[in-house]
Amino acid sequence: MKVIGITGSSGAGKSMVSDLLAARGYTVINADRTYHAILKSSKEMTAELVDAFGTAILGEDGRVSRRKLAATVFGKPDTVTLLHTLNQVTHKYVMSEVESRLHALQKVGVRTVILDAPQLFEAGADELCDATVGIVAARTLRLARIMARDDIDEAAALARLDAQKSDEFFSTHCDRILENNSDKKALVRELDAILSELGV
């Protein structure tokens, strides 16, 4: 089984690429969606996050509020440290689920899996991949996409961007780079070229 890792900073277009691949019949594991599902269901992870960040991150239902958690972590003088703490808690839960799903897919004979993971390298998930593709885009485009996608103001979106890895990081660490600065047709052309190069 071949595992292709898709990563990149917020707003670059990882989900768009993953959705395009899913529409073509590829099996996609979305680490963000996996994280969100665990966030809703895991009492153990909730307890660890409350220990790390306090009860202010909880919603009225007693579950972790993604918006409150983001407000606690991003845009702070010590965001780098806070984000590291967040990742230390969450990555182990997400990685356990991802590895379990990959094992199950391999057992049923799936030939190619797309692993969409914004924290691919930070979580060590790149070690599960046969190749990695970094999605990059101009900062102004990413800013607009984040604001529209998450329904947040510019200041909140900038705080998230400032906590992201640079395009240079992805250029250095990924096997292939896909630039998402134009329209969907251009994105598909670049994607097709990369898939061909990777033999997928």
Protein backbone atom coordinates (compact mmCIF):
# COMPACT_ATOMS: atom_id res chain seq x y z
CA MET A 1 0.00 0.00 0.00
CA LYS A 2 1.29 3.46 -0.92
CA VAL A 3 0.60 6.35 1.46
CA ILE A 4 0.82 9.90 0.09
CA GLY A 5 0.97 12.65 2.70
CA ILE A 6 -0.68 15.98 1.90
CA THR A 7 0.30 18.92 4.07
CA GLY A 8 0.71 22.70 4.04
CA SER A 9 -0.26 25.76 6.02
CA SER A 10 -3.82 26.78 6.81
CA GLY A 11 -5.71 28.20 3.84
CA ALA A 12 -3.32 26.77 1.26
CA GLY A 13 -5.88 24.32 -0.08
CA LYS A 14 -5.12 20.92 1.45
CA SER A 15 -8.78 20.05 1.81
CA MET A 16 -9.50 21.09 -1.77
CA VAL A 17 -6.77 18.76 -3.03
CA SER A 18 -7.98 15.94 -0.78
CA ASP A 19 -11.56 16.42 -1.96
CA LEU A 20 -10.41 16.28 -5.58
CA LEU A 21 -8.61 13.02 -4.88
CA ALA A 22 -11.56 11.57 -2.97
CA ALA A 23 -13.83 12.41 -5.92
CA ARG A 24 -11.50 10.34 -8.10
CA GLY A 25 -11.95 7.35 -5.82
CA TYR A 26 -8.85 7.59 -3.66
CA THR A 27 -9.17 6.68 0.00
CA VAL A 28 -8.49 9.81 2.08
CA ILE A 29 -7.72 10.00 5.79
CA ASN A 30 -8.23 13.57 6.99
CA ALA A 31 -6.23 14.14 10.18
CA ASP A 32 -8.10 17.36 11.01
CA ARG A 33 -11.49 15.65 10.80
CA THR A 34 -10.11 12.75 12.81
CA TYR A 35 -8.97 15.24 15.46
CA HIS A 36 -12.36 16.95 15.54
CA ALA A 37 -14.12 13.60 15.97
CA ILE A 38 -11.79 12.61 18.82
CA LEU A 39 -12.29 16.05 20.39
CA LYS A 40 -16.03 15.35 20.59
CA SER A 41 -15.78 11.77 21.80
CA SER A 42 -12.63 11.32 23.89
CA LYS A 43 -13.03 12.06 27.59
CA GLU A 44 -9.34 11.27 28.06
CA MET A 45 -8.17 13.91 25.60
CA THR A 46 -10.65 16.44 26.99
CA ALA A 47 -9.27 15.86 30.49
CA GLU A 48 -5.69 16.36 29.29
CA LEU A 49 -6.61 19.57 27.45
CA VAL A 50 -8.40 20.95 30.51
CA ASP A 51 -5.33 20.11 32.62
CA ALA A 52 -3.18 22.03 30.14
CA PHE A 53 -5.41 25.03 29.37
CA GLY A 54 -8.12 25.22 32.02
CA THR A 55 -11.90 24.97 31.92
CA ALA A 56 -12.19 28.18 29.87
CA ILE A 57 -11.82 26.02 26.75
CA LEU A 58 -15.05 24.14 27.47
CA GLY A 59 -18.43 24.92 25.95
CA GLU A 60 -21.75 24.77 27.76
CA ASP A 61 -22.03 21.07 26.90
CA GLY A 62 -18.83 20.28 28.75
CA ARG A 63 -16.95 19.47 25.55
CA VAL A 64 -13.93 21.34 24.25
CA SER A 65 -14.99 24.30 22.13
CA ARG A 66 -12.71 24.58 19.11
CA ARG A 67 -13.27 28.35 18.98
CA LYS A 68 -12.44 28.81 22.68
CA LEU A 69 -9.41 26.55 22.40
CA ALA A 70 -8.14 28.51 19.39
CA ALA A 71 -8.66 31.79 21.27
CA THR A 72 -6.62 30.39 24.15
CA VAL A 73 -3.72 29.27 21.97
CA PHE A 74 -3.40 31.67 19.03
CA GLY A 75 -2.47 35.34 19.07
CA LYS A 76 -0.69 35.16 22.41
CA PRO A 77 2.89 36.22 23.25
CA ASP A 78 3.65 32.56 24.01
CA THR A 79 1.63 31.00 21.17
CA VAL A 80 4.58 28.87 20.09
CA THR A 81 4.77 27.27 23.55
CA LEU A 82 0.99 26.91 23.83
CA LEU A 83 0.77 25.31 20.40
CA HIS A 84 3.53 22.88 21.33
CA THR A 85 1.56 21.91 24.45
CA LEU A 86 -1.62 21.46 22.40
CA ASN A 87 0.19 19.26 19.89
CA GLN A 88 1.78 17.14 22.61
CA VAL A 89 -1.69 16.30 23.89
CA THR A 90 -3.55 15.82 20.61
CA HIS A 91 -1.02 14.22 18.27
CA LYS A 92 -0.80 10.93 20.13
CA TYR A 93 -4.57 10.44 19.93
CA VAL A 94 -4.74 11.34 16.24
CA MET A 95 -1.71 9.24 15.32
CA SER A 96 -3.14 6.20 17.11
CA GLU A 97 -6.37 6.48 15.12
CA VAL A 98 -4.55 7.14 11.81
CA GLU A 99 -2.27 4.13 12.28
CA SER A 100 -5.26 1.95 13.14
CA ARG A 101 -7.10 3.04 10.01
CA LEU A 102 -4.05 2.52 7.79
CA HIS A 103 -3.63 -0.98 9.16
CA ALA A 104 -7.30 -1.78 8.48
CA LEU A 105 -7.09 -0.40 4.93
CA GLN A 106 -3.97 -2.42 4.19
CA LYS A 107 -5.69 -5.59 5.41
CA VAL A 108 -8.53 -5.13 2.89
CA GLY A 109 -6.13 -4.50 0.01
CA VAL A 110 -6.39 -0.73 -0.54
CA ARG A 111 -3.52 0.24 -2.85
CA THR A 112 -3.23 4.01 -2.27
CA VAL A 113 -4.16 6.16 0.71
CA ILE A 114 -4.05 9.95 0.89
CA LEU A 115 -3.17 11.25 4.35
CA ASP A 116 -4.28 14.88 4.68
CA ALA A 117 -2.43 16.22 7.72
CA PRO A 118 -1.53 19.87 8.38
CA GLN A 119 0.76 18.74 11.22
CA LEU A 120 2.25 15.89 9.19
CA PHE A 121 5.88 16.45 10.21
CA GLU A 122 5.19 17.73 13.72
CA ALA A 123 3.22 14.56 14.51
CA GLY A 124 5.78 12.27 12.90
CA ALA A 125 3.14 11.10 10.41
CA ASP A 126 5.58 11.63 7.54
CA GLU A 127 7.24 8.41 8.68
CA LEU A 128 4.07 6.58 7.59
CA CYS A 129 4.23 8.08 4.09
CA ASP A 130 5.92 6.88 0.92
CA ALA A 131 5.90 10.46 -0.42
CA THR A 132 4.82 13.89 0.82
CA VAL A 133 3.24 16.79 -1.08
CA GLY A 134 3.23 20.32 0.34
CA ILE A 135 0.41 22.66 -0.72
CA VAL A 136 1.46 26.32 -0.67
CA ALA A 137 -0.25 29.59 -1.61
CA ALA A 138 0.29 33.32 -1.32
CA ARG A 139 -0.25 34.71 2.18
CA THR A 140 -2.99 37.11 1.06
CA LEU A 141 -4.95 34.24 -0.50
CA ARG A 142 -4.55 32.09 2.59
CA LEU A 143 -5.73 34.95 4.80
CA ALA A 144 -8.90 35.43 2.76
CA ARG A 145 -9.61 31.69 2.66
CA ILE A 146 -9.22 31.30 6.43
CA MET A 147 -11.53 34.24 7.15
CA ALA A 148 -14.20 32.86 4.80
CA ARG A 149 -13.82 29.23 5.89
CA ASP A 150 -13.80 29.78 9.66
CA ASP A 151 -15.97 32.92 9.77
CA ILE A 152 -13.38 34.84 11.78
CA ASP A 153 -12.04 38.38 11.53
CA GLU A 154 -8.69 39.38 10.03
CA ALA A 155 -6.91 39.63 13.38
CA ALA A 156 -7.87 36.06 14.33
CA ALA A 157 -6.92 34.77 10.88
CA LEU A 158 -3.55 36.54 11.02
CA ALA A 159 -2.88 35.01 14.43
CA ARG A 160 -3.34 31.56 12.93
CA LEU A 161 -1.18 32.38 9.92
CA ASP A 162 1.60 33.68 12.13
CA ALA A 163 1.66 30.35 13.98
CA GLN A 164 2.10 28.39 10.72
CA LYS A 165 5.23 26.99 9.16
CA SER A 166 6.67 28.98 6.27
CA ASP A 167 6.48 27.91 2.61
CA GLU A 168 10.25 27.37 2.86
CA PHE A 169 9.65 24.72 5.52
CA PHE A 170 7.40 22.74 3.18
CA SER A 171 9.77 23.24 0.24
CA THR A 172 12.58 21.82 2.34
CA HIS A 173 10.72 18.91 3.89
CA CYS A 174 8.24 17.74 1.23
CA ASP A 175 9.02 15.54 -1.77
CA ARG A 176 6.80 17.65 -4.04
CA ILE A 177 5.31 21.17 -3.87
CA LEU A 178 1.95 22.14 -5.36
CA GLU A 179 1.24 25.88 -5.70
CA ASN A 180 -2.43 26.83 -5.29
CA ASN A 181 -2.37 30.46 -6.36
CA SER A 182 -4.63 30.26 -9.39
CA ASP A 183 -7.92 28.63 -10.36
CA LYS A 184 -9.14 25.06 -9.96
CA LYS A 185 -8.10 24.06 -13.49
CA ALA A 186 -4.50 25.06 -12.81
CA LEU A 187 -4.60 23.20 -9.51
CA VAL A 188 -5.84 20.02 -11.22
CA ARG A 189 -3.10 20.25 -13.86
CA GLU A 190 -0.41 20.53 -11.20
CA LEU A 191 -1.96 17.75 -9.17
CA ASP A 192 -2.13 15.41 -12.18
CA ALA A 193 1.54 16.08 -12.95
CA ILE A 194 2.58 15.27 -9.38
CA LEU A 195 0.49 12.09 -9.24
CA SER A 196 2.11 10.97 -12.48
CA GLU A 197 5.58 11.63 -11.08
CA LEU A 198 4.74 9.64 -7.94
CA GLY A 199 3.35 6.75 -9.97
CA VAL A 200 -0.10 7.03 -8.42
